[in-house]
Amino acid sequence: MKLSRADLKRDEVVFAVVRHGIKREQGDIALMRFEQDLSITRRLQYQTEAGKLLQGLGNTVAREMAPGRGFIGLTRIDLFSGTNNYVFALTADGRQVGVTSYLRFTSDVVDQPPNRDRLRQRTFKQALTSAGFLYGIPRCSSPYCARAYANNLDEHDAKATEPCATCKAAFNKLFRRDVLF
C-alpha cells in the first residue's frame, strides 16, 4: 500500500488498512462487524479494570458482609477484565460482591432511541445473573431465562425478565424461602 511512517500515525489511515485487510481476508460480514464494533468504541468513554472496582466494593462493604448477604455495585463505567476487552459484569470468587456496568446497554452506545424501561430490564437481567454467581448458581442454559448467556443485544432483549423455574428454585433453596422477582 506504500504508506509512510507518518501515514501510519494517523488513525484513519490505520483503520483504512485494517478495513482493507479484513475485507480481503474475511469478507464483507467480518468488515460489517468491525465497523459496528468501531462505531461503539468511538461512543464509549473510558474503561476501568473490573477487578479494581470489585476490590474497592469488597473493602467498602466488608463490615456489612454476612451469610446470605451479597452486594452488587452498579456503574455506568465501561469495564474490562484480564484479556477481555470488555465485560458487562464481574463477581469475586469466594466473596459475595460483584460489579455490573450498564453503559453498553444505553441508547447512546447502541444507537437506539432512549427507552428507560428497556435499559432497566437489560440491567436487571445482567444483575440477576451476577447475583446467581455470587451464591454459586451457574449460568442458566435455558435460552429464555433472564440468567441465560446472550450472544448479542437482541438475544439479551428476547430473554424473559425473570429467571426460569430452575433458577427460581435454586434461589429459593439458597435463601430457604420464596424469592420474589
N, C-alpha and C. Protein backbone atom coordinates (compact mmCIF):
# COMPACT_ATOMS: atom_id res chain seq x y z
N MET A 1 0.82 -1.21 0.00
CA MET A 1 0.00 0.00 0.00
C MET A 1 0.86 1.27 0.00
N LYS A 2 2.17 1.08 0.16
CA LYS A 2 3.13 2.18 0.06
C LYS A 2 2.79 3.32 1.01
N LEU A 3 2.70 3.01 2.28
CA LEU A 3 2.40 4.00 3.30
C LEU A 3 3.67 4.40 4.02
N SER A 4 3.75 5.67 4.36
CA SER A 4 4.91 6.16 5.11
C SER A 4 4.66 5.98 6.61
N ARG A 5 5.71 6.15 7.38
CA ARG A 5 5.55 6.11 8.85
C ARG A 5 4.59 7.20 9.31
N ALA A 6 4.67 8.33 8.68
CA ALA A 6 3.77 9.44 9.05
C ALA A 6 2.31 9.05 8.78
N ASP A 7 2.07 8.35 7.65
CA ASP A 7 0.71 7.89 7.34
C ASP A 7 0.18 6.99 8.45
N LEU A 8 1.04 6.08 8.94
CA LEU A 8 0.62 5.10 9.94
C LEU A 8 0.44 5.70 11.33
N LYS A 9 0.75 6.96 11.49
CA LYS A 9 0.49 7.65 12.77
C LYS A 9 -0.90 8.26 12.80
N ARG A 10 -1.58 8.23 11.67
CA ARG A 10 -2.94 8.78 11.60
C ARG A 10 -3.94 7.65 11.72
N ASP A 11 -4.85 7.75 12.70
CA ASP A 11 -5.82 6.70 12.96
C ASP A 11 -6.61 6.29 11.73
N GLU A 12 -7.10 7.26 10.98
CA GLU A 12 -7.96 6.93 9.85
C GLU A 12 -7.21 6.14 8.78
N VAL A 13 -5.92 6.39 8.61
CA VAL A 13 -5.14 5.61 7.66
C VAL A 13 -4.99 4.17 8.15
N VAL A 14 -4.71 4.01 9.45
CA VAL A 14 -4.59 2.67 10.03
C VAL A 14 -5.91 1.93 9.89
N PHE A 15 -7.02 2.59 10.19
CA PHE A 15 -8.33 1.95 10.05
C PHE A 15 -8.59 1.55 8.60
N ALA A 16 -8.18 2.38 7.64
CA ALA A 16 -8.37 2.04 6.23
C ALA A 16 -7.58 0.78 5.86
N VAL A 17 -6.36 0.66 6.38
CA VAL A 17 -5.54 -0.52 6.13
C VAL A 17 -6.21 -1.76 6.74
N VAL A 18 -6.70 -1.61 7.99
CA VAL A 18 -7.36 -2.73 8.66
C VAL A 18 -8.62 -3.12 7.90
N ARG A 19 -9.40 -2.15 7.47
CA ARG A 19 -10.62 -2.45 6.70
C ARG A 19 -10.29 -3.24 5.44
N HIS A 20 -9.26 -2.78 4.74
CA HIS A 20 -8.85 -3.45 3.50
C HIS A 20 -8.46 -4.90 3.80
N GLY A 21 -7.68 -5.12 4.84
CA GLY A 21 -7.25 -6.47 5.21
C GLY A 21 -8.40 -7.36 5.63
N ILE A 22 -9.32 -6.83 6.42
CA ILE A 22 -10.47 -7.62 6.86
C ILE A 22 -11.32 -8.02 5.67
N LYS A 23 -11.60 -7.07 4.79
CA LYS A 23 -12.44 -7.38 3.63
C LYS A 23 -11.76 -8.43 2.75
N ARG A 24 -10.47 -8.28 2.51
CA ARG A 24 -9.74 -9.22 1.65
C ARG A 24 -9.65 -10.61 2.28
N GLU A 25 -9.37 -10.67 3.58
CA GLU A 25 -9.12 -11.96 4.24
C GLU A 25 -10.39 -12.63 4.78
N GLN A 26 -11.37 -11.82 5.24
CA GLN A 26 -12.52 -12.40 5.94
C GLN A 26 -13.87 -12.09 5.30
N GLY A 27 -13.93 -11.11 4.42
CA GLY A 27 -15.16 -10.84 3.71
C GLY A 27 -15.99 -9.71 4.28
N ASP A 28 -17.12 -9.47 3.61
CA ASP A 28 -17.99 -8.33 3.94
C ASP A 28 -18.64 -8.42 5.31
N ILE A 29 -19.02 -9.63 5.73
CA ILE A 29 -19.68 -9.78 7.04
C ILE A 29 -18.71 -9.41 8.16
N ALA A 30 -17.48 -9.87 8.08
CA ALA A 30 -16.48 -9.53 9.08
C ALA A 30 -16.21 -8.03 9.08
N LEU A 31 -16.17 -7.43 7.89
CA LEU A 31 -15.96 -5.99 7.79
C LEU A 31 -17.12 -5.23 8.44
N MET A 32 -18.34 -5.70 8.23
CA MET A 32 -19.51 -5.07 8.85
C MET A 32 -19.41 -5.14 10.38
N ARG A 33 -19.01 -6.30 10.91
CA ARG A 33 -18.84 -6.43 12.37
C ARG A 33 -17.77 -5.47 12.89
N PHE A 34 -16.67 -5.37 12.15
CA PHE A 34 -15.61 -4.44 12.54
C PHE A 34 -16.13 -3.01 12.60
N GLU A 35 -16.89 -2.61 11.58
CA GLU A 35 -17.45 -1.25 11.54
C GLU A 35 -18.40 -1.01 12.72
N GLN A 36 -19.22 -2.00 13.05
CA GLN A 36 -20.13 -1.87 14.19
C GLN A 36 -19.34 -1.73 15.49
N ASP A 37 -18.34 -2.59 15.67
CA ASP A 37 -17.52 -2.52 16.89
C ASP A 37 -16.79 -1.18 16.98
N LEU A 38 -16.27 -0.71 15.87
CA LEU A 38 -15.57 0.57 15.85
C LEU A 38 -16.52 1.71 16.20
N SER A 39 -17.72 1.65 15.68
CA SER A 39 -18.71 2.69 15.97
C SER A 39 -19.03 2.73 17.47
N ILE A 40 -19.22 1.57 18.07
CA ILE A 40 -19.49 1.51 19.51
C ILE A 40 -18.30 2.03 20.30
N THR A 41 -17.11 1.61 19.93
CA THR A 41 -15.90 2.01 20.64
C THR A 41 -15.74 3.53 20.63
N ARG A 42 -16.07 4.15 19.53
CA ARG A 42 -15.94 5.61 19.45
C ARG A 42 -16.93 6.33 20.37
N ARG A 43 -18.04 5.68 20.71
CA ARG A 43 -19.03 6.30 21.59
C ARG A 43 -18.75 6.05 23.07
N LEU A 44 -17.86 5.12 23.36
CA LEU A 44 -17.53 4.82 24.76
C LEU A 44 -16.63 5.91 25.33
N GLN A 45 -16.64 6.00 26.64
CA GLN A 45 -15.78 6.98 27.30
C GLN A 45 -14.45 6.32 27.62
N TYR A 46 -14.26 5.91 28.82
CA TYR A 46 -13.03 5.23 29.23
C TYR A 46 -13.41 3.93 29.91
N GLN A 47 -12.43 3.08 30.12
CA GLN A 47 -12.69 1.80 30.76
C GLN A 47 -11.94 1.71 32.09
N THR A 48 -12.48 0.88 32.96
CA THR A 48 -11.87 0.61 34.25
C THR A 48 -11.74 -0.90 34.41
N GLU A 49 -10.67 -1.33 35.06
CA GLU A 49 -10.46 -2.74 35.37
C GLU A 49 -11.53 -3.15 36.39
N ALA A 50 -12.39 -4.08 36.02
CA ALA A 50 -13.50 -4.51 36.88
C ALA A 50 -12.99 -5.05 38.22
N GLY A 51 -11.85 -5.74 38.21
CA GLY A 51 -11.29 -6.28 39.45
C GLY A 51 -10.98 -5.21 40.48
N LYS A 52 -10.54 -4.04 40.03
CA LYS A 52 -10.25 -2.94 40.96
C LYS A 52 -11.53 -2.43 41.61
N LEU A 53 -12.60 -2.35 40.82
CA LEU A 53 -13.89 -1.94 41.40
C LEU A 53 -14.38 -2.98 42.40
N LEU A 54 -14.22 -4.26 42.06
CA LEU A 54 -14.61 -5.34 42.98
C LEU A 54 -13.86 -5.24 44.31
N GLN A 55 -12.57 -5.01 44.21
CA GLN A 55 -11.75 -4.90 45.42
C GLN A 55 -12.22 -3.72 46.27
N GLY A 56 -12.46 -2.60 45.64
CA GLY A 56 -12.94 -1.42 46.37
C GLY A 56 -14.30 -1.65 47.00
N LEU A 57 -15.20 -2.27 46.27
CA LEU A 57 -16.53 -2.57 46.81
C LEU A 57 -16.41 -3.53 47.98
N GLY A 58 -15.59 -4.57 47.82
CA GLY A 58 -15.40 -5.54 48.90
C GLY A 58 -14.87 -4.89 50.16
N ASN A 59 -13.92 -3.98 50.01
CA ASN A 59 -13.38 -3.26 51.17
C ASN A 59 -14.43 -2.36 51.81
N THR A 60 -15.25 -1.74 50.98
CA THR A 60 -16.27 -0.81 51.47
C THR A 60 -17.36 -1.52 52.27
N VAL A 61 -17.76 -2.70 51.83
CA VAL A 61 -18.88 -3.40 52.46
C VAL A 61 -18.43 -4.51 53.41
N ALA A 62 -17.14 -4.62 53.66
CA ALA A 62 -16.60 -5.73 54.46
C ALA A 62 -17.31 -5.89 55.80
N ARG A 63 -17.60 -4.80 56.47
CA ARG A 63 -18.25 -4.87 57.79
C ARG A 63 -19.71 -5.29 57.69
N GLU A 64 -20.30 -5.15 56.51
CA GLU A 64 -21.71 -5.49 56.31
C GLU A 64 -21.91 -6.93 55.84
N MET A 65 -20.82 -7.61 55.52
CA MET A 65 -20.92 -8.97 54.99
C MET A 65 -21.47 -9.92 56.05
N ALA A 66 -22.33 -10.83 55.58
CA ALA A 66 -22.93 -11.85 56.44
C ALA A 66 -23.41 -12.98 55.54
N PRO A 67 -23.57 -14.17 56.09
CA PRO A 67 -24.08 -15.27 55.26
C PRO A 67 -25.41 -14.89 54.59
N GLY A 68 -25.52 -15.19 53.31
CA GLY A 68 -26.75 -14.89 52.58
C GLY A 68 -26.88 -13.44 52.16
N ARG A 69 -25.84 -12.65 52.37
CA ARG A 69 -25.90 -11.24 52.00
C ARG A 69 -24.82 -10.95 50.97
N GLY A 70 -25.22 -10.38 49.87
CA GLY A 70 -24.27 -10.04 48.81
C GLY A 70 -24.48 -8.61 48.35
N PHE A 71 -23.49 -8.10 47.67
CA PHE A 71 -23.52 -6.71 47.20
C PHE A 71 -23.11 -6.66 45.74
N ILE A 72 -23.90 -5.95 44.94
CA ILE A 72 -23.57 -5.72 43.54
C ILE A 72 -23.49 -4.22 43.32
N GLY A 73 -22.31 -3.78 42.92
CA GLY A 73 -22.13 -2.37 42.57
C GLY A 73 -22.60 -2.15 41.14
N LEU A 74 -23.33 -1.10 40.91
CA LEU A 74 -23.87 -0.78 39.59
C LEU A 74 -23.18 0.49 39.10
N THR A 75 -22.65 0.44 37.89
CA THR A 75 -21.90 1.58 37.37
C THR A 75 -22.20 1.83 35.90
N ARG A 76 -21.98 3.05 35.48
CA ARG A 76 -22.08 3.41 34.06
C ARG A 76 -20.71 3.34 33.40
N ILE A 77 -19.68 3.07 34.15
CA ILE A 77 -18.32 2.99 33.62
C ILE A 77 -18.16 1.70 32.83
N ASP A 78 -17.53 1.77 31.67
CA ASP A 78 -17.26 0.59 30.87
C ASP A 78 -16.16 -0.23 31.56
N LEU A 79 -16.32 -1.54 31.58
CA LEU A 79 -15.42 -2.42 32.32
C LEU A 79 -14.65 -3.36 31.40
N PHE A 80 -13.43 -3.69 31.81
CA PHE A 80 -12.68 -4.77 31.17
C PHE A 80 -12.09 -5.62 32.28
N SER A 81 -11.66 -6.83 31.91
CA SER A 81 -11.08 -7.73 32.90
C SER A 81 -10.09 -8.66 32.20
N GLY A 82 -8.85 -8.65 32.67
CA GLY A 82 -7.84 -9.53 32.09
C GLY A 82 -7.70 -9.33 30.60
N THR A 83 -7.85 -10.41 29.85
CA THR A 83 -7.72 -10.32 28.39
C THR A 83 -9.04 -10.00 27.69
N ASN A 84 -10.12 -9.85 28.46
CA ASN A 84 -11.42 -9.48 27.87
C ASN A 84 -11.46 -7.97 27.70
N ASN A 85 -11.65 -7.52 26.46
CA ASN A 85 -11.62 -6.07 26.23
C ASN A 85 -12.85 -5.36 26.78
N TYR A 86 -13.89 -6.10 27.13
CA TYR A 86 -14.97 -5.53 27.93
C TYR A 86 -15.75 -6.67 28.57
N VAL A 87 -16.35 -6.35 29.70
CA VAL A 87 -17.25 -7.27 30.39
C VAL A 87 -18.45 -6.45 30.86
N PHE A 88 -19.60 -7.11 30.90
CA PHE A 88 -20.79 -6.45 31.42
C PHE A 88 -20.80 -6.50 32.94
N ALA A 89 -20.18 -7.54 33.50
CA ALA A 89 -20.19 -7.71 34.95
C ALA A 89 -19.05 -8.63 35.36
N LEU A 90 -18.74 -8.59 36.65
CA LEU A 90 -17.73 -9.48 37.21
C LEU A 90 -18.08 -9.70 38.67
N THR A 91 -17.92 -10.95 39.11
CA THR A 91 -18.12 -11.26 40.53
C THR A 91 -16.81 -11.80 41.08
N ALA A 92 -16.65 -11.67 42.39
CA ALA A 92 -15.42 -12.10 43.05
C ALA A 92 -15.59 -13.51 43.57
N ASP A 93 -14.64 -14.38 43.24
CA ASP A 93 -14.67 -15.75 43.75
C ASP A 93 -14.55 -15.74 45.27
N GLY A 94 -15.46 -16.44 45.92
CA GLY A 94 -15.40 -16.59 47.37
C GLY A 94 -15.83 -15.38 48.17
N ARG A 95 -16.13 -14.29 47.50
CA ARG A 95 -16.61 -13.08 48.19
C ARG A 95 -17.94 -12.72 47.55
N GLN A 96 -18.88 -12.37 48.33
CA GLN A 96 -20.21 -12.12 47.78
C GLN A 96 -20.36 -10.66 47.33
N VAL A 97 -19.47 -10.28 46.41
CA VAL A 97 -19.53 -8.95 45.80
C VAL A 97 -19.39 -9.08 44.29
N GLY A 98 -20.04 -8.19 43.60
CA GLY A 98 -19.96 -8.16 42.14
C GLY A 98 -20.14 -6.74 41.66
N VAL A 99 -19.81 -6.51 40.42
CA VAL A 99 -20.00 -5.20 39.81
C VAL A 99 -20.61 -5.41 38.43
N THR A 100 -21.56 -4.56 38.09
CA THR A 100 -22.27 -4.64 36.82
C THR A 100 -22.27 -3.26 36.17
N SER A 101 -21.92 -3.22 34.89
CA SER A 101 -21.95 -1.96 34.14
C SER A 101 -23.15 -1.97 33.20
N TYR A 102 -23.84 -0.86 33.13
CA TYR A 102 -24.97 -0.76 32.21
C TYR A 102 -24.66 0.14 31.01
N LEU A 103 -23.42 0.63 30.90
CA LEU A 103 -23.08 1.56 29.83
C LEU A 103 -23.38 1.01 28.44
N ARG A 104 -23.01 -0.23 28.18
CA ARG A 104 -23.20 -0.80 26.84
C ARG A 104 -24.67 -1.16 26.55
N PHE A 105 -25.54 -0.92 27.50
CA PHE A 105 -26.98 -1.10 27.29
C PHE A 105 -27.66 0.23 26.96
N THR A 106 -26.95 1.34 27.10
CA THR A 106 -27.57 2.66 26.95
C THR A 106 -27.80 3.01 25.48
N SER A 107 -28.78 3.86 25.26
CA SER A 107 -29.17 4.23 23.89
C SER A 107 -28.05 4.95 23.16
N ASP A 108 -27.25 5.75 23.85
CA ASP A 108 -26.20 6.48 23.15
C ASP A 108 -25.07 5.57 22.67
N VAL A 109 -24.87 4.43 23.30
CA VAL A 109 -23.82 3.49 22.87
C VAL A 109 -24.34 2.55 21.80
N VAL A 110 -25.55 2.04 21.96
CA VAL A 110 -26.08 1.06 21.00
C VAL A 110 -26.87 1.72 19.87
N ASP A 111 -26.89 3.05 19.85
CA ASP A 111 -27.52 3.80 18.77
C ASP A 111 -28.98 3.42 18.58
N GLN A 112 -29.72 3.49 19.70
CA GLN A 112 -31.16 3.24 19.69
C GLN A 112 -31.84 4.43 20.38
N PRO A 113 -33.11 4.64 20.11
CA PRO A 113 -33.82 5.71 20.81
C PRO A 113 -33.83 5.43 22.33
N PRO A 114 -33.75 6.46 23.13
CA PRO A 114 -33.78 6.25 24.59
C PRO A 114 -35.06 5.54 25.01
N ASN A 115 -34.89 4.59 25.92
CA ASN A 115 -36.03 3.83 26.45
C ASN A 115 -35.63 3.37 27.85
N ARG A 116 -36.08 4.09 28.86
CA ARG A 116 -35.69 3.83 30.24
C ARG A 116 -36.10 2.44 30.72
N ASP A 117 -37.29 1.98 30.32
CA ASP A 117 -37.75 0.66 30.73
C ASP A 117 -36.87 -0.44 30.14
N ARG A 118 -36.49 -0.28 28.87
CA ARG A 118 -35.61 -1.26 28.22
C ARG A 118 -34.25 -1.28 28.92
N LEU A 119 -33.70 -0.12 29.26
CA LEU A 119 -32.43 -0.04 29.98
C LEU A 119 -32.54 -0.71 31.35
N ARG A 120 -33.63 -0.48 32.05
CA ARG A 120 -33.84 -1.10 33.35
C ARG A 120 -33.91 -2.61 33.23
N GLN A 121 -34.64 -3.11 32.23
CA GLN A 121 -34.76 -4.56 32.05
C GLN A 121 -33.41 -5.19 31.69
N ARG A 122 -32.67 -4.56 30.81
CA ARG A 122 -31.35 -5.08 30.43
C ARG A 122 -30.43 -5.16 31.64
N THR A 123 -30.42 -4.09 32.41
CA THR A 123 -29.55 -4.03 33.58
C THR A 123 -29.98 -5.04 34.64
N PHE A 124 -31.28 -5.18 34.85
CA PHE A 124 -31.78 -6.14 35.83
C PHE A 124 -31.38 -7.56 35.45
N LYS A 125 -31.53 -7.93 34.19
CA LYS A 125 -31.16 -9.29 33.74
C LYS A 125 -29.68 -9.55 34.01
N GLN A 126 -28.84 -8.57 33.73
CA GLN A 126 -27.41 -8.75 33.96
C GLN A 126 -27.11 -8.85 35.45
N ALA A 127 -27.73 -8.00 36.24
CA ALA A 127 -27.51 -8.04 37.69
C ALA A 127 -28.03 -9.34 38.30
N LEU A 128 -29.12 -9.86 37.77
CA LEU A 128 -29.67 -11.12 38.25
C LEU A 128 -28.70 -12.28 37.99
N THR A 129 -28.07 -12.26 36.82
CA THR A 129 -27.04 -13.26 36.52
C THR A 129 -25.91 -13.16 37.52
N SER A 130 -25.45 -11.94 37.79
CA SER A 130 -24.37 -11.73 38.76
C SER A 130 -24.79 -12.20 40.15
N ALA A 131 -26.02 -11.92 40.54
CA ALA A 131 -26.49 -12.35 41.86
C ALA A 131 -26.41 -13.87 41.98
N GLY A 132 -26.76 -14.58 40.94
CA GLY A 132 -26.63 -16.03 40.96
C GLY A 132 -25.19 -16.46 41.16
N PHE A 133 -24.28 -15.82 40.43
CA PHE A 133 -22.86 -16.15 40.55
C PHE A 133 -22.34 -15.89 41.97
N LEU A 134 -22.85 -14.86 42.63
CA LEU A 134 -22.41 -14.56 44.00
C LEU A 134 -22.61 -15.75 44.92
N TYR A 135 -23.64 -16.54 44.63
CA TYR A 135 -24.00 -17.65 45.51
C TYR A 135 -23.76 -19.01 44.87
N GLY A 136 -22.96 -19.04 43.81
CA GLY A 136 -22.58 -20.32 43.22
C GLY A 136 -23.62 -20.93 42.30
N ILE A 137 -24.61 -20.17 41.89
CA ILE A 137 -25.61 -20.68 40.94
C ILE A 137 -25.05 -20.46 39.54
N PRO A 138 -24.82 -21.55 38.79
CA PRO A 138 -24.22 -21.39 37.46
C PRO A 138 -25.15 -20.68 36.48
N ARG A 139 -24.56 -20.17 35.40
CA ARG A 139 -25.36 -19.52 34.36
C ARG A 139 -26.38 -20.53 33.84
N CYS A 140 -27.56 -20.07 33.55
CA CYS A 140 -28.64 -20.94 33.09
C CYS A 140 -28.44 -21.30 31.62
N SER A 141 -28.82 -22.51 31.27
CA SER A 141 -28.71 -22.95 29.87
C SER A 141 -30.03 -22.81 29.11
N SER A 142 -31.09 -22.43 29.80
CA SER A 142 -32.37 -22.20 29.12
C SER A 142 -32.28 -20.84 28.41
N PRO A 143 -32.41 -20.79 27.08
CA PRO A 143 -32.14 -19.55 26.35
C PRO A 143 -33.07 -18.38 26.68
N TYR A 144 -34.23 -18.66 27.27
CA TYR A 144 -35.16 -17.57 27.55
C TYR A 144 -35.14 -17.12 29.00
N CYS A 145 -34.36 -17.78 29.82
CA CYS A 145 -34.22 -17.39 31.23
C CYS A 145 -33.48 -16.06 31.30
N ALA A 146 -33.86 -15.22 32.23
CA ALA A 146 -33.18 -13.93 32.41
C ALA A 146 -31.70 -14.11 32.69
N ARG A 147 -31.30 -15.28 33.21
CA ARG A 147 -29.91 -15.53 33.57
C ARG A 147 -29.11 -16.25 32.47
N ALA A 148 -29.70 -16.46 31.31
CA ALA A 148 -29.03 -17.15 30.21
C ALA A 148 -27.99 -16.25 29.55
N TYR A 149 -26.96 -16.87 28.99
CA TYR A 149 -25.95 -16.13 28.23
C TYR A 149 -26.56 -15.69 26.91
N ALA A 150 -26.30 -14.46 26.53
CA ALA A 150 -26.78 -13.95 25.24
C ALA A 150 -25.57 -13.60 24.38
N ASN A 151 -25.62 -13.95 23.13
CA ASN A 151 -24.53 -13.65 22.20
C ASN A 151 -24.55 -12.22 21.69
N ASN A 152 -25.70 -11.58 21.81
CA ASN A 152 -25.82 -10.20 21.33
C ASN A 152 -26.99 -9.53 22.05
N LEU A 153 -27.16 -8.26 21.80
CA LEU A 153 -28.19 -7.49 22.49
C LEU A 153 -29.60 -7.94 22.13
N ASP A 154 -29.82 -8.36 20.89
CA ASP A 154 -31.15 -8.85 20.50
C ASP A 154 -31.52 -10.09 21.31
N GLU A 155 -30.57 -11.01 21.49
CA GLU A 155 -30.82 -12.19 22.31
C GLU A 155 -31.04 -11.80 23.77
N HIS A 156 -30.29 -10.83 24.25
CA HIS A 156 -30.45 -10.36 25.63
C HIS A 156 -31.86 -9.80 25.83
N ASP A 157 -32.32 -8.99 24.87
CA ASP A 157 -33.65 -8.40 24.97
C ASP A 157 -34.75 -9.45 24.87
N ALA A 158 -34.49 -10.54 24.14
CA ALA A 158 -35.51 -11.59 23.95
C ALA A 158 -35.70 -12.46 25.19
N LYS A 159 -34.75 -12.41 26.12
CA LYS A 159 -34.88 -13.23 27.33
C LYS A 159 -36.02 -12.71 28.19
N ALA A 160 -36.57 -13.60 29.00
CA ALA A 160 -37.62 -13.21 29.95
C ALA A 160 -37.05 -12.21 30.95
N THR A 161 -37.92 -11.52 31.63
CA THR A 161 -37.47 -10.53 32.62
C THR A 161 -37.32 -11.13 34.01
N GLU A 162 -37.55 -12.43 34.11
CA GLU A 162 -37.33 -13.10 35.39
C GLU A 162 -36.71 -14.46 35.13
N PRO A 163 -36.12 -15.06 36.16
CA PRO A 163 -35.48 -16.35 35.96
C PRO A 163 -36.49 -17.46 35.69
N CYS A 164 -35.98 -18.53 35.07
CA CYS A 164 -36.81 -19.70 34.80
C CYS A 164 -37.10 -20.44 36.12
N ALA A 165 -37.95 -21.45 36.04
CA ALA A 165 -38.33 -22.21 37.25
C ALA A 165 -37.13 -22.85 37.92
N THR A 166 -36.17 -23.33 37.14
CA THR A 166 -34.98 -23.97 37.73
C THR A 166 -34.15 -22.96 38.51
N CYS A 167 -33.94 -21.79 37.94
CA CYS A 167 -33.16 -20.75 38.62
C CYS A 167 -33.92 -20.22 39.85
N LYS A 168 -35.23 -20.06 39.72
CA LYS A 168 -36.02 -19.63 40.89
C LYS A 168 -35.89 -20.65 42.01
N ALA A 169 -35.95 -21.92 41.67
CA ALA A 169 -35.82 -22.97 42.68
C ALA A 169 -34.45 -22.91 43.36
N ALA A 170 -33.41 -22.62 42.57
CA ALA A 170 -32.07 -22.52 43.14
C ALA A 170 -31.97 -21.35 44.11
N PHE A 171 -32.55 -20.19 43.74
CA PHE A 171 -32.56 -19.04 44.66
C PHE A 171 -33.39 -19.36 45.90
N ASN A 172 -34.57 -19.97 45.71
CA ASN A 172 -35.43 -20.31 46.85
C ASN A 172 -34.73 -21.26 47.81
N LYS A 173 -34.04 -22.25 47.28
CA LYS A 173 -33.30 -23.20 48.12
C LYS A 173 -32.18 -22.49 48.87
N LEU A 174 -31.48 -21.64 48.17
CA LEU A 174 -30.38 -20.89 48.77
C LEU A 174 -30.85 -20.03 49.94
N PHE A 175 -31.94 -19.32 49.75
CA PHE A 175 -32.43 -18.40 50.78
C PHE A 175 -33.50 -19.02 51.68
N ARG A 176 -33.84 -20.31 51.44
CA ARG A 176 -34.80 -21.05 52.25
C ARG A 176 -36.16 -20.36 52.36
N ARG A 177 -36.53 -19.73 51.26
CA ARG A 177 -37.84 -19.09 51.16
C ARG A 177 -38.10 -18.70 49.73
N ASP A 178 -39.36 -18.39 49.42
CA ASP A 178 -39.67 -17.96 48.07
C ASP A 178 -39.12 -16.55 47.84
N VAL A 179 -38.33 -16.42 46.80
CA VAL A 179 -37.76 -15.12 46.44
C VAL A 179 -38.68 -14.50 45.40
N LEU A 180 -39.03 -13.26 45.60
CA LEU A 180 -39.90 -12.56 44.66
C LEU A 180 -39.06 -11.89 43.59
N PHE A 181 -39.45 -12.08 42.34
CA PHE A 181 -38.74 -11.44 41.23
C PHE A 181 -39.67 -10.50 40.51
